[in-house]
mmCIF file of all heavy atoms, coordinates in Angstrom:
data_MODEL
# 
_entry.id   MODEL 
# 
loop_
_atom_site.group_PDB 
_atom_site.id 
_atom_site.type_symbol 
_atom_site.label_atom_id 
_atom_site.label_alt_id 
_atom_site.label_comp_id 
_atom_site.label_asym_id 
_atom_site.label_entity_id 
_atom_site.label_seq_id 
_atom_site.pdbx_PDB_ins_code 
_atom_site.Cartn_x 
_atom_site.Cartn_y 
_atom_site.Cartn_z 
_atom_site.occupancy 
_atom_site.B_iso_or_equiv 
_atom_site.pdbx_formal_charge 
_atom_site.auth_seq_id 
_atom_site.auth_comp_id 
_atom_site.auth_asym_id 
_atom_site.auth_atom_id 
_atom_site.pdbx_PDB_model_num 
ATOM 1   N N   . ILE A 1 1  ? -86.127 16.145 -75.918 1.00 0.00 ? 1  ILE A N   1 
ATOM 2   C CA  . ILE A 1 1  ? -85.827 14.716 -76.045 1.00 0.00 ? 1  ILE A CA  1 
ATOM 3   C C   . ILE A 1 1  ? -85.579 14.155 -74.653 1.00 0.00 ? 1  ILE A C   1 
ATOM 4   O O   . ILE A 1 1  ? -84.917 14.801 -73.846 1.00 0.00 ? 1  ILE A O   1 
ATOM 5   C CB  . ILE A 1 1  ? -84.581 14.487 -76.930 1.00 0.00 ? 1  ILE A CB  1 
ATOM 6   C CG1 . ILE A 1 1  ? -84.854 14.913 -78.342 1.00 0.00 ? 1  ILE A CG1 1 
ATOM 7   C CG2 . ILE A 1 1  ? -84.138 13.016 -76.864 1.00 0.00 ? 1  ILE A CG2 1 
ATOM 8   C CD1 . ILE A 1 1  ? -83.662 14.858 -79.284 1.00 0.00 ? 1  ILE A CD1 1 
ATOM 9   N N   . VAL A 1 2  ? -86.134 12.999 -74.378 1.00 0.00 ? 2  VAL A N   1 
ATOM 10  C CA  . VAL A 1 2  ? -85.948 12.305 -73.099 1.00 0.00 ? 2  VAL A CA  1 
ATOM 11  C C   . VAL A 1 2  ? -85.276 10.976 -73.407 1.00 0.00 ? 2  VAL A C   1 
ATOM 12  O O   . VAL A 1 2  ? -85.770 10.200 -74.233 1.00 0.00 ? 2  VAL A O   1 
ATOM 13  C CB  . VAL A 1 2  ? -87.272 12.078 -72.373 1.00 0.00 ? 2  VAL A CB  1 
ATOM 14  C CG1 . VAL A 1 2  ? -87.043 11.246 -71.121 1.00 0.00 ? 2  VAL A CG1 1 
ATOM 15  C CG2 . VAL A 1 2  ? -87.941 13.385 -72.004 1.00 0.00 ? 2  VAL A CG2 1 
ATOM 16  N N   . LEU A 1 3  ? -84.155 10.720 -72.733 1.00 0.00 ? 3  LEU A N   1 
ATOM 17  C CA  . LEU A 1 3  ? -83.508 9.418  -72.836 1.00 0.00 ? 3  LEU A CA  1 
ATOM 18  C C   . LEU A 1 3  ? -83.631 8.711  -71.469 1.00 0.00 ? 3  LEU A C   1 
ATOM 19  O O   . LEU A 1 3  ? -83.248 9.273  -70.466 1.00 0.00 ? 3  LEU A O   1 
ATOM 20  C CB  . LEU A 1 3  ? -82.006 9.539  -73.165 1.00 0.00 ? 3  LEU A CB  1 
ATOM 21  C CG  . LEU A 1 3  ? -81.661 10.124 -74.494 1.00 0.00 ? 3  LEU A CG  1 
ATOM 22  C CD1 . LEU A 1 3  ? -80.150 10.196 -74.657 1.00 0.00 ? 3  LEU A CD1 1 
ATOM 23  C CD2 . LEU A 1 3  ? -82.270 9.358  -75.646 1.00 0.00 ? 3  LEU A CD2 1 
ATOM 24  N N   . ARG A 1 4  ? -84.235 7.529  -71.491 1.00 0.00 ? 4  ARG A N   1 
ATOM 25  C CA  . ARG A 1 4  ? -84.466 6.750  -70.269 1.00 0.00 ? 4  ARG A CA  1 
ATOM 26  C C   . ARG A 1 4  ? -84.148 5.270  -70.566 1.00 0.00 ? 4  ARG A C   1 
ATOM 27  O O   . ARG A 1 4  ? -84.132 4.883  -71.720 1.00 0.00 ? 4  ARG A O   1 
ATOM 28  C CB  . ARG A 1 4  ? -85.902 6.833  -69.820 1.00 0.00 ? 4  ARG A CB  1 
ATOM 29  C CG  . ARG A 1 4  ? -86.417 8.180  -69.541 1.00 0.00 ? 4  ARG A CG  1 
ATOM 30  C CD  . ARG A 1 4  ? -87.864 8.208  -69.043 1.00 0.00 ? 4  ARG A CD  1 
ATOM 31  N NE  . ARG A 1 4  ? -87.959 7.539  -67.758 1.00 0.00 ? 4  ARG A NE  1 
ATOM 32  C CZ  . ARG A 1 4  ? -88.760 6.542  -67.493 1.00 0.00 ? 4  ARG A CZ  1 
ATOM 33  N NH1 . ARG A 1 4  ? -89.574 6.084  -68.383 1.00 0.00 ? 4  ARG A NH1 1 
ATOM 34  N NH2 . ARG A 1 4  ? -88.796 5.997  -66.281 1.00 0.00 ? 4  ARG A NH2 1 
ATOM 35  N N   . GLY A 1 5  ? -83.979 4.537  -69.521 1.00 0.00 ? 5  GLY A N   1 
ATOM 36  C CA  . GLY A 1 5  ? -83.809 3.071  -69.677 1.00 0.00 ? 5  GLY A CA  1 
ATOM 37  C C   . GLY A 1 5  ? -82.632 2.743  -70.566 1.00 0.00 ? 5  GLY A C   1 
ATOM 38  O O   . GLY A 1 5  ? -81.536 3.315  -70.472 1.00 0.00 ? 5  GLY A O   1 
ATOM 39  N N   . ALA A 1 6  ? -82.892 1.837  -71.511 1.00 0.00 ? 6  ALA A N   1 
ATOM 40  C CA  . ALA A 1 6  ? -81.835 1.391  -72.402 1.00 0.00 ? 6  ALA A CA  1 
ATOM 41  C C   . ALA A 1 6  ? -81.297 2.515  -73.255 1.00 0.00 ? 6  ALA A C   1 
ATOM 42  O O   . ALA A 1 6  ? -80.117 2.504  -73.619 1.00 0.00 ? 6  ALA A O   1 
ATOM 43  C CB  . ALA A 1 6  ? -82.329 0.247  -73.316 1.00 0.00 ? 6  ALA A CB  1 
ATOM 44  N N   . ASP A 1 7  ? -82.116 3.524  -73.578 1.00 0.00 ? 7  ASP A N   1 
ATOM 45  C CA  . ASP A 1 7  ? -81.674 4.686  -74.406 1.00 0.00 ? 7  ASP A CA  1 
ATOM 46  C C   . ASP A 1 7  ? -80.599 5.487  -73.696 1.00 0.00 ? 7  ASP A C   1 
ATOM 47  O O   . ASP A 1 7  ? -79.795 6.147  -74.305 1.00 0.00 ? 7  ASP A O   1 
ATOM 48  C CB  . ASP A 1 7  ? -82.839 5.573  -74.767 1.00 0.00 ? 7  ASP A CB  1 
ATOM 49  C CG  . ASP A 1 7  ? -83.818 4.893  -75.746 1.00 0.00 ? 7  ASP A CG  1 
ATOM 50  O OD1 . ASP A 1 7  ? -83.383 3.989  -76.474 1.00 0.00 ? 7  ASP A OD1 1 
ATOM 51  O OD2 . ASP A 1 7  ? -84.973 5.288  -75.707 1.00 0.00 ? 7  ASP A OD2 1 
ATOM 52  N N   . LEU A 1 8  ? -80.624 5.439  -72.363 1.00 0.00 ? 8  LEU A N   1 
ATOM 53  C CA  . LEU A 1 8  ? -79.655 6.214  -71.569 1.00 0.00 ? 8  LEU A CA  1 
ATOM 54  C C   . LEU A 1 8  ? -78.251 5.688  -71.775 1.00 0.00 ? 8  LEU A C   1 
ATOM 55  O O   . LEU A 1 8  ? -77.260 6.407  -71.599 1.00 0.00 ? 8  LEU A O   1 
ATOM 56  C CB  . LEU A 1 8  ? -80.019 6.185  -70.086 1.00 0.00 ? 8  LEU A CB  1 
ATOM 57  C CG  . LEU A 1 8  ? -79.274 7.144  -69.176 1.00 0.00 ? 8  LEU A CG  1 
ATOM 58  C CD1 . LEU A 1 8  ? -79.446 8.601  -69.658 1.00 0.00 ? 8  LEU A CD1 1 
ATOM 59  C CD2 . LEU A 1 8  ? -79.757 7.012  -67.748 1.00 0.00 ? 8  LEU A CD2 1 
ATOM 60  N N   . ALA A 1 9  ? -78.122 4.448  -72.222 1.00 0.00 ? 9  ALA A N   1 
ATOM 61  C CA  . ALA A 1 9  ? -76.802 3.850  -72.497 1.00 0.00 ? 9  ALA A CA  1 
ATOM 62  C C   . ALA A 1 9  ? -76.068 4.603  -73.604 1.00 0.00 ? 9  ALA A C   1 
ATOM 63  O O   . ALA A 1 9  ? -74.845 4.513  -73.709 1.00 0.00 ? 9  ALA A O   1 
ATOM 64  C CB  . ALA A 1 9  ? -76.945 2.390  -72.847 1.00 0.00 ? 9  ALA A CB  1 
ATOM 65  N N   . ALA A 1 10 ? -76.779 5.356  -74.436 1.00 0.00 ? 10 ALA A N   1 
ATOM 66  C CA  . ALA A 1 10 ? -76.162 6.117  -75.512 1.00 0.00 ? 10 ALA A CA  1 
ATOM 67  C C   . ALA A 1 10 ? -75.490 7.398  -74.995 1.00 0.00 ? 10 ALA A C   1 
ATOM 68  O O   . ALA A 1 10 ? -74.829 8.118  -75.736 1.00 0.00 ? 10 ALA A O   1 
ATOM 69  C CB  . ALA A 1 10 ? -77.233 6.518  -76.559 1.00 0.00 ? 10 ALA A CB  1 
ATOM 70  N N   . ALA A 1 11 ? -75.662 7.678  -73.677 1.00 0.00 ? 11 ALA A N   1 
ATOM 71  C CA  . ALA A 1 11 ? -75.107 8.903  -73.094 1.00 0.00 ? 11 ALA A CA  1 
ATOM 72  C C   . ALA A 1 11 ? -73.856 8.586  -72.300 1.00 0.00 ? 11 ALA A C   1 
ATOM 73  O O   . ALA A 1 11 ? -73.835 7.681  -71.502 1.00 0.00 ? 11 ALA A O   1 
ATOM 74  C CB  . ALA A 1 11 ? -76.121 9.559  -72.174 1.00 0.00 ? 11 ALA A CB  1 
ATOM 75  N N   . ALA A 1 12 ? -72.801 9.345  -72.585 1.00 0.00 ? 12 ALA A N   1 
ATOM 76  C CA  . ALA A 1 12 ? -71.556 9.254  -71.829 1.00 0.00 ? 12 ALA A CA  1 
ATOM 77  C C   . ALA A 1 12 ? -71.382 10.585 -71.070 1.00 0.00 ? 12 ALA A C   1 
ATOM 78  O O   . ALA A 1 12 ? -71.404 11.652 -71.679 1.00 0.00 ? 12 ALA A O   1 
ATOM 79  C CB  . ALA A 1 12 ? -70.362 9.001  -72.728 1.00 0.00 ? 12 ALA A CB  1 
ATOM 80  N N   . PHE A 1 13 ? -71.271 10.523 -69.745 1.00 0.00 ? 13 PHE A N   1 
ATOM 81  C CA  . PHE A 1 13 ? -71.127 11.709 -68.934 1.00 0.00 ? 13 PHE A CA  1 
ATOM 82  C C   . PHE A 1 13 ? -69.629 11.974 -68.747 1.00 0.00 ? 13 PHE A C   1 
ATOM 83  O O   . PHE A 1 13 ? -68.884 11.077 -68.372 1.00 0.00 ? 13 PHE A O   1 
ATOM 84  C CB  . PHE A 1 13 ? -71.823 11.475 -67.574 1.00 0.00 ? 13 PHE A CB  1 
ATOM 85  C CG  . PHE A 1 13 ? -73.277 11.169 -67.739 1.00 0.00 ? 13 PHE A CG  1 
ATOM 86  C CD1 . PHE A 1 13 ? -73.722 9.859  -67.826 1.00 0.00 ? 13 PHE A CD1 1 
ATOM 87  C CD2 . PHE A 1 13 ? -74.231 12.188 -67.814 1.00 0.00 ? 13 PHE A CD2 1 
ATOM 88  C CE1 . PHE A 1 13 ? -75.057 9.549  -67.975 1.00 0.00 ? 13 PHE A CE1 1 
ATOM 89  C CE2 . PHE A 1 13 ? -75.569 11.883 -67.968 1.00 0.00 ? 13 PHE A CE2 1 
ATOM 90  C CZ  . PHE A 1 13 ? -75.979 10.579 -68.050 1.00 0.00 ? 13 PHE A CZ  1 
ATOM 91  N N   . VAL A 1 14 ? -69.216 13.211 -69.019 1.00 0.00 ? 14 VAL A N   1 
ATOM 92  C CA  . VAL A 1 14 ? -67.793 13.537 -69.014 1.00 0.00 ? 14 VAL A CA  1 
ATOM 93  C C   . VAL A 1 14 ? -67.508 14.725 -68.115 1.00 0.00 ? 14 VAL A C   1 
ATOM 94  O O   . VAL A 1 14 ? -68.208 15.747 -68.144 1.00 0.00 ? 14 VAL A O   1 
ATOM 95  C CB  . VAL A 1 14 ? -67.333 13.883 -70.481 1.00 0.00 ? 14 VAL A CB  1 
ATOM 96  C CG1 . VAL A 1 14 ? -65.857 14.176 -70.556 1.00 0.00 ? 14 VAL A CG1 1 
ATOM 97  C CG2 . VAL A 1 14 ? -67.699 12.716 -71.411 1.00 0.00 ? 14 VAL A CG2 1 
ATOM 98  N N   . ASP A 1 15 ? -66.462 14.596 -67.268 1.00 0.00 ? 15 ASP A N   1 
ATOM 99  C CA  . ASP A 1 15 ? -66.110 15.682 -66.364 1.00 0.00 ? 15 ASP A CA  1 
ATOM 100 C C   . ASP A 1 15 ? -65.190 16.684 -67.052 1.00 0.00 ? 15 ASP A C   1 
ATOM 101 O O   . ASP A 1 15 ? -64.810 16.535 -68.234 1.00 0.00 ? 15 ASP A O   1 
ATOM 102 C CB  . ASP A 1 15 ? -65.484 15.119 -65.082 1.00 0.00 ? 15 ASP A CB  1 
ATOM 103 C CG  . ASP A 1 15 ? -64.100 14.494 -65.250 1.00 0.00 ? 15 ASP A CG  1 
ATOM 104 O OD1 . ASP A 1 15 ? -63.432 14.680 -66.301 1.00 0.00 ? 15 ASP A OD1 1 
ATOM 105 O OD2 . ASP A 1 15 ? -63.663 13.797 -64.323 1.00 0.00 ? 15 ASP A OD2 1 
ATOM 106 N N   . ARG A 1 16 ? -64.824 17.719 -66.306 1.00 0.00 ? 16 ARG A N   1 
ATOM 107 C CA  . ARG A 1 16 ? -63.998 18.834 -66.892 1.00 0.00 ? 16 ARG A CA  1 
ATOM 108 C C   . ARG A 1 16 ? -62.644 18.346 -67.346 1.00 0.00 ? 16 ARG A C   1 
ATOM 109 O O   . ARG A 1 16 ? -61.986 18.970 -68.184 1.00 0.00 ? 16 ARG A O   1 
ATOM 110 C CB  . ARG A 1 16 ? -63.860 19.944 -65.867 1.00 0.00 ? 16 ARG A CB  1 
ATOM 111 C CG  . ARG A 1 16 ? -65.149 20.673 -65.624 1.00 0.00 ? 16 ARG A CG  1 
ATOM 112 C CD  . ARG A 1 16 ? -64.983 21.832 -64.666 1.00 0.00 ? 16 ARG A CD  1 
ATOM 113 N NE  . ARG A 1 16 ? -66.268 22.166 -64.056 1.00 0.00 ? 16 ARG A NE  1 
ATOM 114 C CZ  . ARG A 1 16 ? -66.577 21.923 -62.813 1.00 0.00 ? 16 ARG A CZ  1 
ATOM 115 N NH1 . ARG A 1 16 ? -65.716 21.398 -61.968 1.00 0.00 ? 16 ARG A NH1 1 
ATOM 116 N NH2 . ARG A 1 16 ? -67.791 22.250 -62.376 1.00 0.00 ? 16 ARG A NH2 1 
ATOM 117 N N   . GLY A 1 17 ? -62.148 17.265 -66.769 1.00 0.00 ? 17 GLY A N   1 
ATOM 118 C CA  . GLY A 1 17 ? -60.856 16.712 -67.164 1.00 0.00 ? 17 GLY A CA  1 
ATOM 119 C C   . GLY A 1 17 ? -60.906 15.752 -68.328 1.00 0.00 ? 17 GLY A C   1 
ATOM 120 O O   . GLY A 1 17 ? -59.893 15.231 -68.754 1.00 0.00 ? 17 GLY A O   1 
ATOM 121 N N   . GLY A 1 18 ? -62.112 15.561 -68.877 1.00 0.00 ? 18 GLY A N   1 
ATOM 122 C CA  . GLY A 1 18 ? -62.280 14.674 -70.008 1.00 0.00 ? 18 GLY A CA  1 
ATOM 123 C C   . GLY A 1 18 ? -62.471 13.220 -69.632 1.00 0.00 ? 18 GLY A C   1 
ATOM 124 O O   . GLY A 1 18 ? -62.463 12.316 -70.494 1.00 0.00 ? 18 GLY A O   1 
ATOM 125 N N   . HIS A 1 19 ? -62.665 12.933 -68.372 1.00 0.00 ? 19 HIS A N   1 
ATOM 126 C CA  . HIS A 1 19 ? -62.866 11.575 -67.878 1.00 0.00 ? 19 HIS A CA  1 
ATOM 127 C C   . HIS A 1 19 ? -64.361 11.244 -67.781 1.00 0.00 ? 19 HIS A C   1 
ATOM 128 O O   . HIS A 1 19 ? -65.170 12.113 -67.446 1.00 0.00 ? 19 HIS A O   1 
ATOM 129 C CB  . HIS A 1 19 ? -62.195 11.393 -66.512 1.00 0.00 ? 19 HIS A CB  1 
ATOM 130 C CG  . HIS A 1 19 ? -60.746 11.725 -66.520 1.00 0.00 ? 19 HIS A CG  1 
ATOM 131 N ND1 . HIS A 1 19 ? -60.281 12.941 -66.069 1.00 0.00 ? 19 HIS A ND1 1 
ATOM 132 C CD2 . HIS A 1 19 ? -59.708 11.007 -66.927 1.00 0.00 ? 19 HIS A CD2 1 
ATOM 133 C CE1 . HIS A 1 19 ? -58.963 12.957 -66.198 1.00 0.00 ? 19 HIS A CE1 1 
ATOM 134 N NE2 . HIS A 1 19 ? -58.573 11.780 -66.726 1.00 0.00 ? 19 HIS A NE2 1 
ATOM 135 N N   . ARG A 1 20 ? -64.667 10.021 -68.047 1.00 0.00 ? 20 ARG A N   1 
ATOM 136 C CA  . ARG A 1 20 ? -66.076 9.575  -67.969 1.00 0.00 ? 20 ARG A CA  1 
ATOM 137 C C   . ARG A 1 20 ? -66.513 9.427  -66.514 1.00 0.00 ? 20 ARG A C   1 
ATOM 138 O O   . ARG A 1 20 ? -65.716 9.021  -65.660 1.00 0.00 ? 20 ARG A O   1 
ATOM 139 C CB  . ARG A 1 20 ? -66.240 8.262  -68.690 1.00 0.00 ? 20 ARG A CB  1 
ATOM 140 C CG  . ARG A 1 20 ? -65.881 8.389  -70.159 1.00 0.00 ? 20 ARG A CG  1 
ATOM 141 C CD  . ARG A 1 20 ? -67.042 7.926  -70.987 1.00 0.00 ? 20 ARG A CD  1 
ATOM 142 N NE  . ARG A 1 20 ? -66.753 8.266  -72.379 1.00 0.00 ? 20 ARG A NE  1 
ATOM 143 C CZ  . ARG A 1 20 ? -67.234 7.596  -73.378 1.00 0.00 ? 20 ARG A CZ  1 
ATOM 144 N NH1 . ARG A 1 20 ? -67.977 6.545  -73.140 1.00 0.00 ? 20 ARG A NH1 1 
ATOM 145 N NH2 . ARG A 1 20 ? -67.018 7.998  -74.603 1.00 0.00 ? 20 ARG A NH2 1 
ATOM 146 N N   . ILE A 1 21 ? -67.778 9.757  -66.296 1.00 0.00 ? 21 ILE A N   1 
ATOM 147 C CA  . ILE A 1 21 ? -68.413 9.554  -65.021 1.00 0.00 ? 21 ILE A CA  1 
ATOM 148 C C   . ILE A 1 21 ? -69.481 8.462  -65.225 1.00 0.00 ? 21 ILE A C   1 
ATOM 149 O O   . ILE A 1 21 ? -70.317 8.617  -66.088 1.00 0.00 ? 21 ILE A O   1 
ATOM 150 C CB  . ILE A 1 21 ? -69.085 10.859 -64.520 1.00 0.00 ? 21 ILE A CB  1 
ATOM 151 C CG1 . ILE A 1 21 ? -68.095 11.984 -64.417 1.00 0.00 ? 21 ILE A CG1 1 
ATOM 152 C CG2 . ILE A 1 21 ? -69.818 10.589 -63.192 1.00 0.00 ? 21 ILE A CG2 1 
ATOM 153 C CD1 . ILE A 1 21 ? -68.717 13.362 -64.081 1.00 0.00 ? 21 ILE A CD1 1 
ATOM 154 N N   . ASP A 1 22 ? -69.394 7.408  -64.443 1.00 0.00 ? 22 ASP A N   1 
ATOM 155 C CA  . ASP A 1 22 ? -70.400 6.357  -64.535 1.00 0.00 ? 22 ASP A CA  1 
ATOM 156 C C   . ASP A 1 22 ? -71.752 6.942  -64.233 1.00 0.00 ? 22 ASP A C   1 
ATOM 157 O O   . ASP A 1 22 ? -71.911 7.796  -63.333 1.00 0.00 ? 22 ASP A O   1 
ATOM 158 C CB  . ASP A 1 22 ? -70.098 5.214  -63.526 1.00 0.00 ? 22 ASP A CB  1 
ATOM 159 C CG  . ASP A 1 22 ? -68.897 4.420  -63.904 1.00 0.00 ? 22 ASP A CG  1 
ATOM 160 O OD1 . ASP A 1 22 ? -68.510 4.398  -65.105 1.00 0.00 ? 22 ASP A OD1 1 
ATOM 161 O OD2 . ASP A 1 22 ? -68.278 3.846  -62.997 1.00 0.00 ? 22 ASP A OD2 1 
ATOM 162 N N   . ALA A 1 23 ? -72.782 6.471  -64.932 1.00 0.00 ? 23 ALA A N   1 
ATOM 163 C CA  . ALA A 1 23 ? -74.130 6.951  -64.758 1.00 0.00 ? 23 ALA A CA  1 
ATOM 164 C C   . ALA A 1 23 ? -74.595 6.869  -63.312 1.00 0.00 ? 23 ALA A C   1 
ATOM 165 O O   . ALA A 1 23 ? -75.281 7.771  -62.801 1.00 0.00 ? 23 ALA A O   1 
ATOM 166 C CB  . ALA A 1 23 ? -75.118 6.246  -65.667 1.00 0.00 ? 23 ALA A CB  1 
ATOM 167 N N   . ASP A 1 24 ? -74.174 5.844  -62.605 1.00 0.00 ? 24 ASP A N   1 
ATOM 168 C CA  . ASP A 1 24 ? -74.581 5.700  -61.208 1.00 0.00 ? 24 ASP A CA  1 
ATOM 169 C C   . ASP A 1 24 ? -73.818 6.633  -60.247 1.00 0.00 ? 24 ASP A C   1 
ATOM 170 O O   . ASP A 1 24 ? -74.139 6.688  -59.056 1.00 0.00 ? 24 ASP A O   1 
ATOM 171 C CB  . ASP A 1 24 ? -74.485 4.228  -60.737 1.00 0.00 ? 24 ASP A CB  1 
ATOM 172 C CG  . ASP A 1 24 ? -73.083 3.680  -60.774 1.00 0.00 ? 24 ASP A CG  1 
ATOM 173 O OD1 . ASP A 1 24 ? -72.177 4.353  -61.344 1.00 0.00 ? 24 ASP A OD1 1 
ATOM 174 O OD2 . ASP A 1 24 ? -72.859 2.594  -60.237 1.00 0.00 ? 24 ASP A OD2 1 
ATOM 175 N N   . ARG A 1 25 ? -72.871 7.412  -60.785 1.00 0.00 ? 25 ARG A N   1 
ATOM 176 C CA  . ARG A 1 25 ? -72.100 8.368  -59.965 1.00 0.00 ? 25 ARG A CA  1 
ATOM 177 C C   . ARG A 1 25 ? -72.441 9.825  -60.354 1.00 0.00 ? 25 ARG A C   1 
ATOM 178 O O   . ARG A 1 25 ? -71.939 10.755 -59.701 1.00 0.00 ? 25 ARG A O   1 
ATOM 179 C CB  . ARG A 1 25 ? -70.607 8.132  -60.116 1.00 0.00 ? 25 ARG A CB  1 
ATOM 180 C CG  . ARG A 1 25 ? -70.161 6.756  -59.753 1.00 0.00 ? 25 ARG A CG  1 
ATOM 181 C CD  . ARG A 1 25 ? -69.860 6.559  -58.272 1.00 0.00 ? 25 ARG A CD  1 
ATOM 182 N NE  . ARG A 1 25 ? -68.873 7.499  -57.838 1.00 0.00 ? 25 ARG A NE  1 
ATOM 183 C CZ  . ARG A 1 25 ? -68.939 8.170  -56.707 1.00 0.00 ? 25 ARG A CZ  1 
ATOM 184 N NH1 . ARG A 1 25 ? -69.949 7.993  -55.875 1.00 0.00 ? 25 ARG A NH1 1 
ATOM 185 N NH2 . ARG A 1 25 ? -68.019 9.036  -56.363 1.00 0.00 ? 25 ARG A NH2 1 
ATOM 186 N N   . VAL A 1 26 ? -73.228 10.042 -61.371 1.00 0.00 ? 26 VAL A N   1 
ATOM 187 C CA  . VAL A 1 26 ? -73.517 11.390 -61.849 1.00 0.00 ? 26 VAL A CA  1 
ATOM 188 C C   . VAL A 1 26 ? -74.151 12.257 -60.799 1.00 0.00 ? 26 VAL A C   1 
ATOM 189 O O   . VAL A 1 26 ? -73.776 13.431 -60.626 1.00 0.00 ? 26 VAL A O   1 
ATOM 190 C CB  . VAL A 1 26 ? -74.414 11.343 -63.127 1.00 0.00 ? 26 VAL A CB  1 
ATOM 191 C CG1 . VAL A 1 26 ? -74.951 12.730 -63.478 1.00 0.00 ? 26 VAL A CG1 1 
ATOM 192 C CG2 . VAL A 1 26 ? -73.641 10.770 -64.281 1.00 0.00 ? 26 VAL A CG2 1 
ATOM 193 N N   . LEU A 1 27 ? -75.078 11.738 -60.019 1.00 0.00 ? 27 LEU A N   1 
ATOM 194 C CA  . LEU A 1 27 ? -75.708 12.563 -58.979 1.00 0.00 ? 27 LEU A CA  1 
ATOM 195 C C   . LEU A 1 27 ? -74.728 13.007 -57.890 1.00 0.00 ? 27 LEU A C   1 
ATOM 196 O O   . LEU A 1 27 ? -74.858 14.115 -57.375 1.00 0.00 ? 27 LEU A O   1 
ATOM 197 C CB  . LEU A 1 27 ? -76.889 11.815 -58.362 1.00 0.00 ? 27 LEU A CB  1 
ATOM 198 C CG  . LEU A 1 27 ? -78.023 11.479 -59.313 1.00 0.00 ? 27 LEU A CG  1 
ATOM 199 C CD1 . LEU A 1 27 ? -79.146 10.738 -58.565 1.00 0.00 ? 27 LEU A CD1 1 
ATOM 200 C CD2 . LEU A 1 27 ? -78.550 12.693 -60.001 1.00 0.00 ? 27 LEU A CD2 1 
ATOM 201 N N   . ASP A 1 28 ? -73.744 12.194 -57.604 1.00 0.00 ? 28 ASP A N   1 
ATOM 202 C CA  . ASP A 1 28 ? -72.722 12.564 -56.607 1.00 0.00 ? 28 ASP A CA  1 
ATOM 203 C C   . ASP A 1 28 ? -71.717 13.506 -57.177 1.00 0.00 ? 28 ASP A C   1 
ATOM 204 O O   . ASP A 1 28 ? -71.083 14.267 -56.444 1.00 0.00 ? 28 ASP A O   1 
ATOM 205 C CB  . ASP A 1 28 ? -72.018 11.336 -56.076 1.00 0.00 ? 28 ASP A CB  1 
ATOM 206 C CG  . ASP A 1 28 ? -72.911 10.393 -55.312 1.00 0.00 ? 28 ASP A CG  1 
ATOM 207 O OD1 . ASP A 1 28 ? -73.878 10.907 -54.657 1.00 0.00 ? 28 ASP A OD1 1 
ATOM 208 O OD2 . ASP A 1 28 ? -72.705 9.177  -55.341 1.00 0.00 ? 28 ASP A OD2 1 
# 
């Protein structure tokens, strides 16, 4: 499955502490 564009909004990136990581900060 590939999520891109508007579909990527359905993804929440979460760190080890349970905090969300903004999509624009995931690479860092």
